[in-house]
C-alpha cells in the first residue's frame, strides 16, 4: 500500500488524539472505580473522552478507506495497461 507523507501525518495525528482520549477515559474510570463523591464530573468526563475517541477513530477509518480505494484504483489501472517493456523493439 502506498501512502503519501501528508496522509501519513494526518493518520498519526488522529492516532495520537485517540490515544490521548483513551488515557483520559482510563483516568476518569479509575476515579469512578474508587467511588469518589464527585463522580458526576467523572461520568461526564468519561463520556466526553469516549466520544472524542470515537470521533478520532471514525476519521482514521475514513482516511484508511480512501487510501485503500486509491490504491485499489491504482492497481486496477496498472493491470489494465501493462508495461510495454516486454515487447521486442522494432528493427
PDB file of N, CA and C in Angstrom:
ATOM      1  N   UNK A   1       0.846  -1.176   0.000  1.00  0.00           N
ATOM      2  CA  UNK A   1       0.000   0.000   0.000  1.00  0.00           C
ATOM      3  C   UNK A   1       0.891   1.238   0.000  1.00  0.00           C
ATOM      4  N   UNK A   2       0.534   2.188  -0.844  1.00  0.00           N
ATOM      5  CA  UNK A   2       1.295   3.426  -0.952  1.00  0.00           C
ATOM      6  C   UNK A   2       0.543   4.522  -0.206  1.00  0.00           C
ATOM      7  N   UNK A   3       1.283   5.294   0.584  1.00  0.00           N
ATOM      8  CA  UNK A   3       0.690   6.391   1.346  1.00  0.00           C
ATOM      9  C   UNK A   3       1.597   7.615   1.231  1.00  0.00           C
ATOM     10  N   UNK A   4       0.988   8.765   0.997  1.00  0.00           N
ATOM     11  CA  UNK A   4       1.790   9.976   0.895  1.00  0.00           C
ATOM     12  C   UNK A   4       2.070  10.528   2.288  1.00  0.00           C
ATOM     13  N   UNK A   5       3.046  11.411   2.352  1.00  0.00           N
ATOM     14  CA  UNK A   5       3.501  11.950   3.632  1.00  0.00           C
ATOM     15  C   UNK A   5       2.382  12.682   4.376  1.00  0.00           C
ATOM     16  N   UNK A   6       1.588  13.469   3.655  1.00  0.00           N
ATOM     17  CA  UNK A   6       0.515  14.246   4.286  1.00  0.00           C
ATOM     18  C   UNK A   6      -0.538  13.348   4.919  1.00  0.00           C
ATOM     19  N   UNK A   7      -0.933  12.303   4.197  1.00  0.00           N
ATOM     20  CA  UNK A   7      -1.931  11.371   4.726  1.00  0.00           C
ATOM     21  C   UNK A   7      -1.381  10.608   5.917  1.00  0.00           C
ATOM     22  N   UNK A   8      -0.127  10.201   5.840  1.00  0.00           N
ATOM     23  CA  UNK A   8       0.503   9.502   6.961  1.00  0.00           C
ATOM     24  C   UNK A   8       0.526  10.385   8.201  1.00  0.00           C
ATOM     25  N   UNK A   9       0.897  11.647   8.014  1.00  0.00           N
ATOM     26  CA  UNK A   9       0.940  12.587   9.136  1.00  0.00           C
ATOM     27  C   UNK A   9      -0.448  12.789   9.723  1.00  0.00           C
ATOM     28  N   UNK A  10      -1.443  12.908   8.852  1.00  0.00           N
ATOM     29  CA  UNK A  10      -2.820  13.082   9.325  1.00  0.00           C
ATOM     30  C   UNK A  10      -3.279  11.876  10.143  1.00  0.00           C
ATOM     31  N   UNK A  11      -2.953  10.678   9.671  1.00  0.00           N
ATOM     32  CA  UNK A  11      -3.293   9.471  10.437  1.00  0.00           C
ATOM     33  C   UNK A  11      -2.582   9.447  11.784  1.00  0.00           C
ATOM     34  N   UNK A  12      -1.317   9.830  11.796  1.00  0.00           N
ATOM     35  CA  UNK A  12      -0.551   9.842  13.040  1.00  0.00           C
ATOM     36  C   UNK A  12      -1.145  10.817  14.049  1.00  0.00           C
ATOM     37  N   UNK A  13      -1.577  11.973  13.579  1.00  0.00           N
ATOM     38  CA  UNK A  13      -2.188  12.973  14.472  1.00  0.00           C
ATOM     39  C   UNK A  13      -3.473  12.427  15.076  1.00  0.00           C
ATOM     40  N   UNK A  14      -4.312  11.822  14.249  1.00  0.00           N
ATOM     41  CA  UNK A  14      -5.578  11.280  14.765  1.00  0.00           C
ATOM     42  C   UNK A  14      -5.343  10.096  15.699  1.00  0.00           C
ATOM     43  N   UNK A  15      -4.317   9.312  15.429  1.00  0.00           N
ATOM     44  CA  UNK A  15      -3.975   8.209  16.330  1.00  0.00           C
ATOM     45  C   UNK A  15      -3.529   8.740  17.686  1.00  0.00           C
ATOM     46  N   UNK A  16      -2.738   9.801  17.675  1.00  0.00           N
ATOM     47  CA  UNK A  16      -2.292  10.436  18.926  1.00  0.00           C
ATOM     48  C   UNK A  16      -3.485  10.980  19.708  1.00  0.00           C
ATOM     49  N   UNK A  17      -4.404  11.656  19.015  1.00  0.00           N
ATOM     50  CA  UNK A  17      -5.585  12.198  19.692  1.00  0.00           C
ATOM     51  C   UNK A  17      -6.472  11.088  20.254  1.00  0.00           C
ATOM     52  N   UNK A  18      -6.603   9.988  19.518  1.00  0.00           N
ATOM     53  CA  UNK A  18      -7.382   8.851  20.021  1.00  0.00           C
ATOM     54  C   UNK A  18      -6.702   8.241  21.241  1.00  0.00           C
ATOM     55  N   UNK A  19      -5.382   8.143  21.219  1.00  0.00           N
ATOM     56  CA  UNK A  19      -4.639   7.615  22.369  1.00  0.00           C
ATOM     57  C   UNK A  19      -4.817   8.501  23.601  1.00  0.00           C
ATOM     58  N   UNK A  20      -4.769   9.814  23.379  1.00  0.00           N
ATOM     59  CA  UNK A  20      -4.993  10.746  24.487  1.00  0.00           C
ATOM     60  C   UNK A  20      -6.389  10.575  25.082  1.00  0.00           C
ATOM     61  N   UNK A  21      -7.369  10.368  24.218  1.00  0.00           N
ATOM     62  CA  UNK A  21      -8.750  10.179  24.693  1.00  0.00           C
ATOM     63  C   UNK A  21      -8.874   8.879  25.488  1.00  0.00           C
ATOM     64  N   UNK A  22      -8.187   7.839  25.056  1.00  0.00           N
ATOM     65  CA  UNK A  22      -8.205   6.569  25.795  1.00  0.00           C
ATOM     66  C   UNK A  22      -7.594   6.764  27.177  1.00  0.00           C
ATOM     67  N   UNK A  23      -6.501   7.497  27.241  1.00  0.00           N
ATOM     68  CA  UNK A  23      -5.842   7.757  28.527  1.00  0.00           C
ATOM     69  C   UNK A  23      -6.751   8.565  29.452  1.00  0.00           C
ATOM     70  N   UNK A  24      -7.408   9.597  28.918  1.00  0.00           N
ATOM     71  CA  UNK A  24      -8.340  10.395  29.737  1.00  0.00           C
ATOM     72  C   UNK A  24      -9.488   9.531  30.247  1.00  0.00           C
ATOM     73  N   UNK A  25     -10.007   8.677  29.376  1.00  0.00           N
ATOM     74  CA  UNK A  25     -11.099   7.783  29.779  1.00  0.00           C
ATOM     75  C   UNK A  25     -10.647   6.877  30.917  1.00  0.00           C
ATOM     76  N   UNK A  26      -9.461   6.322  30.781  1.00  0.00           N
ATOM     77  CA  UNK A  26      -8.939   5.430  31.826  1.00  0.00           C
ATOM     78  C   UNK A  26      -8.783   6.156  33.158  1.00  0.00           C
ATOM     79  N   UNK A  27      -8.329   7.407  33.103  1.00  0.00           N
ATOM     80  CA  UNK A  27      -8.179   8.176  34.349  1.00  0.00           C
ATOM     81  C   UNK A  27      -9.533   8.417  35.015  1.00  0.00           C
ATOM     82  N   UNK A  28     -10.526   8.795  34.202  1.00  0.00           N
ATOM     83  CA  UNK A  28     -11.861   9.008  34.768  1.00  0.00           C
ATOM     84  C   UNK A  28     -12.430   7.715  35.340  1.00  0.00           C
ATOM     85  N   UNK A  29     -12.230   6.617  34.636  1.00  0.00           N
ATOM     86  CA  UNK A  29     -12.744   5.336  35.127  1.00  0.00           C
ATOM     87  C   UNK A  29     -12.038   4.899  36.400  1.00  0.00           C
ATOM     88  N   UNK A  30     -10.757   5.224  36.536  1.00  0.00           N
ATOM     89  CA  UNK A  30     -10.026   4.885  37.762  1.00  0.00           C
ATOM     90  C   UNK A  30     -10.624   5.618  38.954  1.00  0.00           C
ATOM     91  N   UNK A  31     -10.961   6.893  38.754  1.00  0.00           N
ATOM     92  CA  UNK A  31     -11.573   7.670  39.841  1.00  0.00           C
ATOM     93  C   UNK A  31     -12.959   7.116  40.151  1.00  0.00           C
ATOM     94  N   UNK A  32     -13.712   6.785  39.116  1.00  0.00           N
ATOM     95  CA  UNK A  32     -15.060   6.248  39.327  1.00  0.00           C
ATOM     96  C   UNK A  32     -15.022   4.914  40.065  1.00  0.00           C
ATOM     97  N   UNK A  33     -14.017   4.096  39.785  1.00  0.00           N
ATOM     98  CA  UNK A  33     -13.944   2.784  40.438  1.00  0.00           C
ATOM     99  C   UNK A  33     -13.617   2.910  41.923  1.00  0.00           C
ATOM    100  N   UNK A  34     -13.042   4.051  42.328  1.00  0.00           N
ATOM    101  CA  UNK A  34     -12.739   4.276  43.743  1.00  0.00           C
ATOM    102  C   UNK A  34     -13.949   4.789  44.506  1.00  0.00           C
ATOM    103  N   UNK A  35     -15.021   5.116  43.818  1.00  0.00           N
ATOM    104  CA  UNK A  35     -16.245   5.572  44.474  1.00  0.00           C
ATOM    105  C   UNK A  35     -16.133   6.957  45.072  1.00  0.00           C
ATOM    106  N   UNK A  36     -15.407   7.838  44.419  1.00  0.00           N
ATOM    107  CA  UNK A  36     -15.256   9.221  44.903  1.00  0.00           C
ATOM    108  C   UNK A  36     -16.615   9.929  44.873  1.00  0.00           C
ATOM    109  N   UNK A  37     -16.861  10.850  45.805  1.00  0.00           N
ATOM    110  CA  UNK A  37     -18.151  11.526  45.865  1.00  0.00           C
ATOM    111  C   UNK A  37     -18.438  12.454  44.676  1.00  0.00           C
ATOM    112  N   UNK A  38     -17.419  12.955  44.005  1.00  0.00           N
ATOM    113  CA  UNK A  38     -17.612  13.855  42.857  1.00  0.00           C
ATOM    114  C   UNK A  38     -17.696  13.063  41.554  1.00  0.00           C
ATOM    115  N   UNK A  39     -18.427  11.974  41.577  1.00  0.00           N
ATOM    116  CA  UNK A  39     -18.420  11.070  40.425  1.00  0.00           C
ATOM    117  C   UNK A  39     -19.163  11.622  39.210  1.00  0.00           C
ATOM    118  N   UNK A  40     -20.106  12.563  39.393  1.00  0.00           N
ATOM    119  CA  UNK A  40     -20.829  13.094  38.240  1.00  0.00           C
ATOM    120  C   UNK A  40     -19.898  13.774  37.252  1.00  0.00           C
ATOM    121  N   UNK A  41     -18.915  14.502  37.750  1.00  0.00           N
ATOM    122  CA  UNK A  41     -17.936  15.145  36.868  1.00  0.00           C
ATOM    123  C   UNK A  41     -17.143  14.102  36.091  1.00  0.00           C
ATOM    124  N   UNK A  42     -16.802  13.012  36.749  1.00  0.00           N
ATOM    125  CA  UNK A  42     -16.009  11.980  36.092  1.00  0.00           C
ATOM    126  C   UNK A  42     -16.842  11.162  35.113  1.00  0.00           C
ATOM    127  N   UNK A  43     -18.131  10.988  35.397  1.00  0.00           N
ATOM    128  CA  UNK A  43     -19.006  10.333  34.415  1.00  0.00           C
ATOM    129  C   UNK A  43     -19.083  11.176  33.156  1.00  0.00           C
ATOM    130  N   UNK A  44     -19.246  12.480  33.336  1.00  0.00           N
ATOM    131  CA  UNK A  44     -19.303  13.381  32.179  1.00  0.00           C
ATOM    132  C   UNK A  44     -17.967  13.385  31.440  1.00  0.00           C
ATOM    133  N   UNK A  45     -16.875  13.393  32.188  1.00  0.00           N
ATOM    134  CA  UNK A  45     -15.554  13.347  31.569  1.00  0.00           C
ATOM    135  C   UNK A  45     -15.309  12.049  30.819  1.00  0.00           C
ATOM    136  N   UNK A  46     -15.777  10.951  31.388  1.00  0.00           N
ATOM    137  CA  UNK A  46     -15.648   9.650  30.726  1.00  0.00           C
ATOM    138  C   UNK A  46     -16.407   9.649  29.415  1.00  0.00           C
ATOM    139  N   UNK A  47     -17.632  10.122  29.452  1.00  0.00           N
ATOM    140  CA  UNK A  47     -18.456  10.161  28.253  1.00  0.00           C
ATOM    141  C   UNK A  47     -17.826  11.077  27.201  1.00  0.00           C
ATOM    142  N   UNK A  48     -17.347  12.226  27.621  1.00  0.00           N
ATOM    143  CA  UNK A  48     -16.705  13.170  26.704  1.00  0.00           C
ATOM    144  C   UNK A  48     -15.468  12.548  26.051  1.00  0.00           C
ATOM    145  N   UNK A  49     -14.657  11.879  26.839  1.00  0.00           N
ATOM    146  CA  UNK A  49     -13.445  11.239  26.312  1.00  0.00           C
ATOM    147  C   UNK A  49     -13.779  10.107  25.351  1.00  0.00           C
ATOM    148  N   UNK A  50     -14.802   9.339  25.682  1.00  0.00           N
ATOM    149  CA  UNK A  50     -15.214   8.249  24.791  1.00  0.00           C
ATOM    150  C   UNK A  50     -15.745   8.790  23.461  1.00  0.00           C
ATOM    151  N   UNK A  51     -16.484   9.883  23.511  1.00  0.00           N
ATOM    152  CA  UNK A  51     -16.993  10.486  22.277  1.00  0.00           C
ATOM    153  C   UNK A  51     -15.838  11.026  21.435  1.00  0.00           C
ATOM    154  N   UNK A  52     -14.851  11.609  22.068  1.00  0.00           N
ATOM    155  CA  UNK A  52     -13.671  12.116  21.360  1.00  0.00           C
ATOM    156  C   UNK A  52     -12.917  10.960  20.699  1.00  0.00           C
ATOM    157  N   UNK A  53     -12.735   9.895  21.438  1.00  0.00           N
ATOM    158  CA  UNK A  53     -12.052   8.720  20.904  1.00  0.00           C
ATOM    159  C   UNK A  53     -12.814   8.165  19.700  1.00  0.00           C
ATOM    160  N   UNK A  54     -14.123   8.091  19.815  1.00  0.00           N
ATOM    161  CA  UNK A  54     -14.950   7.592  18.717  1.00  0.00           C
ATOM    162  C   UNK A  54     -14.805   8.474  17.483  1.00  0.00           C
ATOM    163  N   UNK A  55     -14.794   9.779  17.669  1.00  0.00           N
ATOM    164  CA  UNK A  55     -14.638  10.706  16.541  1.00  0.00           C
ATOM    165  C   UNK A  55     -13.304  10.512  15.837  1.00  0.00           C
ATOM    166  N   UNK A  56     -12.240  10.386  16.611  1.00  0.00           N
ATOM    167  CA  UNK A  56     -10.910  10.214  16.024  1.00  0.00           C
ATOM    168  C   UNK A  56     -10.798   8.899  15.269  1.00  0.00           C
ATOM    169  N   UNK A  57     -11.352   7.847  15.828  1.00  0.00           N
ATOM    170  CA  UNK A  57     -11.306   6.540  15.162  1.00  0.00           C
ATOM    171  C   UNK A  57     -12.139   6.571  13.882  1.00  0.00           C
ATOM    172  N   UNK A  58     -13.263   7.273  13.906  1.00  0.00           N
ATOM    173  CA  UNK A  58     -14.093   7.407  12.706  1.00  0.00           C
ATOM    174  C   UNK A  58     -13.341   8.144  11.599  1.00  0.00           C
ATOM    175  N   UNK A  59     -12.630   9.212  11.958  1.00  0.00           N
ATOM    176  CA  UNK A  59     -11.843   9.958  10.968  1.00  0.00           C
ATOM    177  C   UNK A  59     -10.736   9.071  10.400  1.00  0.00           C
ATOM    178  N   UNK A  60     -10.054   8.320  11.271  1.00  0.00           N
ATOM    179  CA  UNK A  60      -8.993   7.424  10.800  1.00  0.00           C
ATOM    180  C   UNK A  60      -9.562   6.368   9.852  1.00  0.00           C
ATOM    181  N   UNK A  61     -10.733   5.850  10.162  1.00  0.00           N
ATOM    182  CA  UNK A  61     -11.360   4.854   9.299  1.00  0.00           C
ATOM    183  C   UNK A  61     -11.641   5.439   7.917  1.00  0.00           C
ATOM    184  N   UNK A  62     -12.157   6.663   7.871  1.00  0.00           N
ATOM    185  CA  UNK A  62     -12.448   7.304   6.584  1.00  0.00           C
ATOM    186  C   UNK A  62     -11.180   7.519   5.776  1.00  0.00           C
ATOM    187  N   UNK A  63     -10.115   7.947   6.446  1.00  0.00           N
ATOM    188  CA  UNK A  63      -8.835   8.160   5.751  1.00  0.00           C
ATOM    189  C   UNK A  63      -8.307   6.835   5.199  1.00  0.00           C
ATOM    190  N   UNK A  64      -8.349   5.788   6.019  1.00  0.00           N
ATOM    191  CA  UNK A  64      -7.850   4.489   5.576  1.00  0.00           C
ATOM    192  C   UNK A  64      -8.684   3.913   4.437  1.00  0.00           C
ATOM    193  N   UNK A  65     -10.002   4.086   4.500  1.00  0.00           N
ATOM    194  CA  UNK A  65     -10.855   3.605   3.399  1.00  0.00           C
ATOM    195  C   UNK A  65     -10.531   4.339   2.096  1.00  0.00           C
ATOM    196  N   UNK A  66     -10.344   5.665   2.174  1.00  0.00           N
ATOM    197  CA  UNK A  66      -9.993   6.442   0.986  1.00  0.00           C
ATOM    198  C   UNK A  66      -8.631   6.007   0.446  1.00  0.00           C
ATOM    199  N   UNK A  67      -7.697   5.752   1.333  1.00  0.00           N
ATOM    200  CA  UNK A  67      -6.368   5.309   0.935  1.00  0.00           C
ATOM    201  C   UNK A  67      -6.427   3.942   0.263  1.00  0.00           C
ATOM    202  N   UNK A  68      -7.182   3.028   0.834  1.00  0.00           N
ATOM    203  CA  UNK A  68      -7.322   1.700   0.244  1.00  0.00           C
ATOM    204  C   UNK A  68      -7.995   1.777  -1.122  1.00  0.00           C
ATOM    205  N   UNK A  69      -8.998   2.622  -1.251  1.00  0.00           N
ATOM    206  CA  UNK A  69      -9.686   2.787  -2.533  1.00  0.00           C
ATOM    207  C   UNK A  69      -8.745   3.369  -3.577  1.00  0.00           C
ATOM    208  N   UNK A  70      -7.944   4.353  -3.208  1.00  0.00           N
ATOM    209  CA  UNK A  70      -6.982   4.952  -4.136  1.00  0.00           C
ATOM    210  C   UNK A  70      -5.957   3.915  -4.593  1.00  0.00           C
ATOM    211  N   UNK A  71      -5.508   3.098  -3.671  1.00  0.00           N
ATOM    212  CA  UNK A  71      -4.555   2.047  -4.037  1.00  0.00           C
ATOM    213  C   UNK A  71      -5.205   0.986  -4.911  1.00  0.00           C
ATOM    214  N   UNK A  72      -6.464   0.676  -4.642  1.00  0.00           N
ATOM    215  CA  UNK A  72      -7.195  -0.298  -5.449  1.00  0.00           C
ATOM    216  C   UNK A  72      -7.341   0.217  -6.880  1.00  0.00           C
ATOM    217  N   UNK A  73      -7.674   1.513  -7.029  1.00  0.00           N
ATOM    218  CA  UNK A  73      -7.814   2.112  -8.359  1.00  0.00           C
ATOM    219  C   UNK A  73      -6.474   2.112  -9.090  1.00  0.00           C
ATOM    220  N   UNK A  74      -5.392   2.393  -8.362  1.00  0.00           N
ATOM    221  CA  UNK A  74      -4.063   2.398  -8.976  1.00  0.00           C
ATOM    222  C   UNK A  74      -3.688   1.005  -9.447  1.00  0.00           C
ATOM    223  N   UNK A  75      -3.979  -0.013  -8.644  1.00  0.00           N
ATOM    224  CA  UNK A  75      -3.692  -1.394  -9.033  1.00  0.00           C
ATOM    225  C   UNK A  75      -4.493  -1.781 -10.272  1.00  0.00           C
ATOM    226  N   UNK A  76      -5.752  -1.368 -10.320  1.00  0.00           N
ATOM    227  CA  UNK A  76      -6.612  -1.702 -11.458  1.00  0.00           C
ATOM    228  C   UNK A  76      -6.102  -1.041 -12.734  1.00  0.00           C
ATOM    229  N   UNK A  77      -5.629   0.185 -12.636  1.00  0.00           N
ATOM    230  CA  UNK A  77      -5.113   0.870 -13.826  1.00  0.00           C
ATOM    231  C   UNK A  77      -3.803   0.243 -14.294  1.00  0.00           C
ATOM    232  N   UNK A  78      -3.005  -0.272 -13.383  1.00  0.00           N
ATOM    233  CA  UNK A  78      -1.761  -0.939 -13.765  1.00  0.00           C
ATOM    234  C   UNK A  78      -2.047  -2.259 -14.464  1.00  0.00           C
ATOM    235  N   UNK A  79      -3.076  -2.945 -14.045  1.00  0.00           N
ATOM    236  CA  UNK A  79      -3.455  -4.212 -14.673  1.00  0.00           C
ATOM    237  C   UNK A  79      -4.027  -3.950 -16.064  1.00  0.00           C
ATOM    238  N   UNK A  80      -4.814  -2.888 -16.187  1.00  0.00           N
ATOM    239  CA  UNK A  80      -5.445  -2.560 -17.462  1.00  0.00           C
ATOM    240  C   UNK A  80      -4.428  -2.130 -18.512  1.00  0.00           C
ATOM    241  N   UNK A  81      -3.364  -1.471 -18.113  1.00  0.00           N
ATOM    242  CA  UNK A  81      -2.342  -1.028 -19.072  1.00  0.00           C
ATOM    243  C   UNK A  81      -0.975  -1.566 -18.664  1.00  0.00           C
ATOM    244  N   UNK A  82      -0.677  -2.819 -19.025  1.00  0.00           N
ATOM    245  CA  UNK A  82       0.614  -3.404 -18.635  1.00  0.00           C
ATOM    246  C   UNK A  82       1.765  -2.687 -19.330  1.00  0.00           C
ATOM    247  N   UNK A  83       2.928  -2.788 -18.733  1.00  0.00           N
ATOM    248  CA  UNK A  83       4.129  -2.182 -19.305  1.00  0.00           C
ATOM    249  C   UNK A  83       4.437  -2.796 -20.662  1.00  0.00           C
ATOM    250  N   UNK A  84       4.941  -1.995 -21.566  1.00  0.00           N
ATOM    251  CA  UNK A  84       5.290  -2.477 -22.891  1.00  0.00           C
ATOM    252  C   UNK A  84       6.777  -2.810 -22.974  1.00  0.00           C
ATOM    253  N   UNK A  85       7.443  -2.887 -21.860  1.00  0.00           N
ATOM    254  CA  UNK A  85       8.869  -3.179 -21.839  1.00  0.00           C
ATOM    255  C   UNK A  85       9.161  -4.601 -22.331  1.00  0.00           C
ATOM    256  N   UNK A  86       8.201  -5.490 -22.220  1.00  0.00           N
ATOM    257  CA  UNK A  86       8.439  -6.880 -22.600  1.00  0.00           C
ATOM    258  C   UNK A  86       8.330  -7.100 -24.105  1.00  0.00           C
ATOM    259  N   UNK A  87       7.801  -6.110 -24.839  1.00  0.00           N
ATOM    260  CA  UNK A  87       7.689  -6.252 -26.275  1.00  0.00           C
ATOM    261  C   UNK A  87       9.052  -6.013 -26.932  1.00  0.00           C
ATOM    262  N   UNK A  88       9.335  -6.740 -28.007  1.00  0.00           N
ATOM    263  CA  UNK A  88      10.629  -6.530 -28.680  1.00  0.00           C
ATOM    264  C   UNK A  88      10.636  -5.173 -29.393  1.00  0.00           C
ATOM    265  N   UNK A  89      11.808  -4.595 -29.486  1.00  0.00           N
ATOM    266  CA  UNK A  89      11.984  -3.324 -30.167  1.00  0.00           C
ATOM    267  C   UNK A  89      11.930  -3.535 -31.675  1.00  0.00           C
ATOM    268  N   UNK A  90      11.344  -2.579 -32.424  1.00  0.00           N
ATOM    269  CA  UNK A  90      11.322  -2.734 -33.882  1.00  0.00           C
ATOM    270  C   UNK A  90      12.730  -2.574 -34.460  1.00  0.00           C
ATOM    271  N   UNK A  91      13.017  -3.358 -35.528  1.00  0.00           N
ATOM    272  CA  UNK A  91      14.367  -3.287 -36.092  1.00  0.00           C
ATOM    273  C   UNK A  91      14.454  -2.366 -37.274  1.00  0.00           C
TER     274      UNK A  91
END
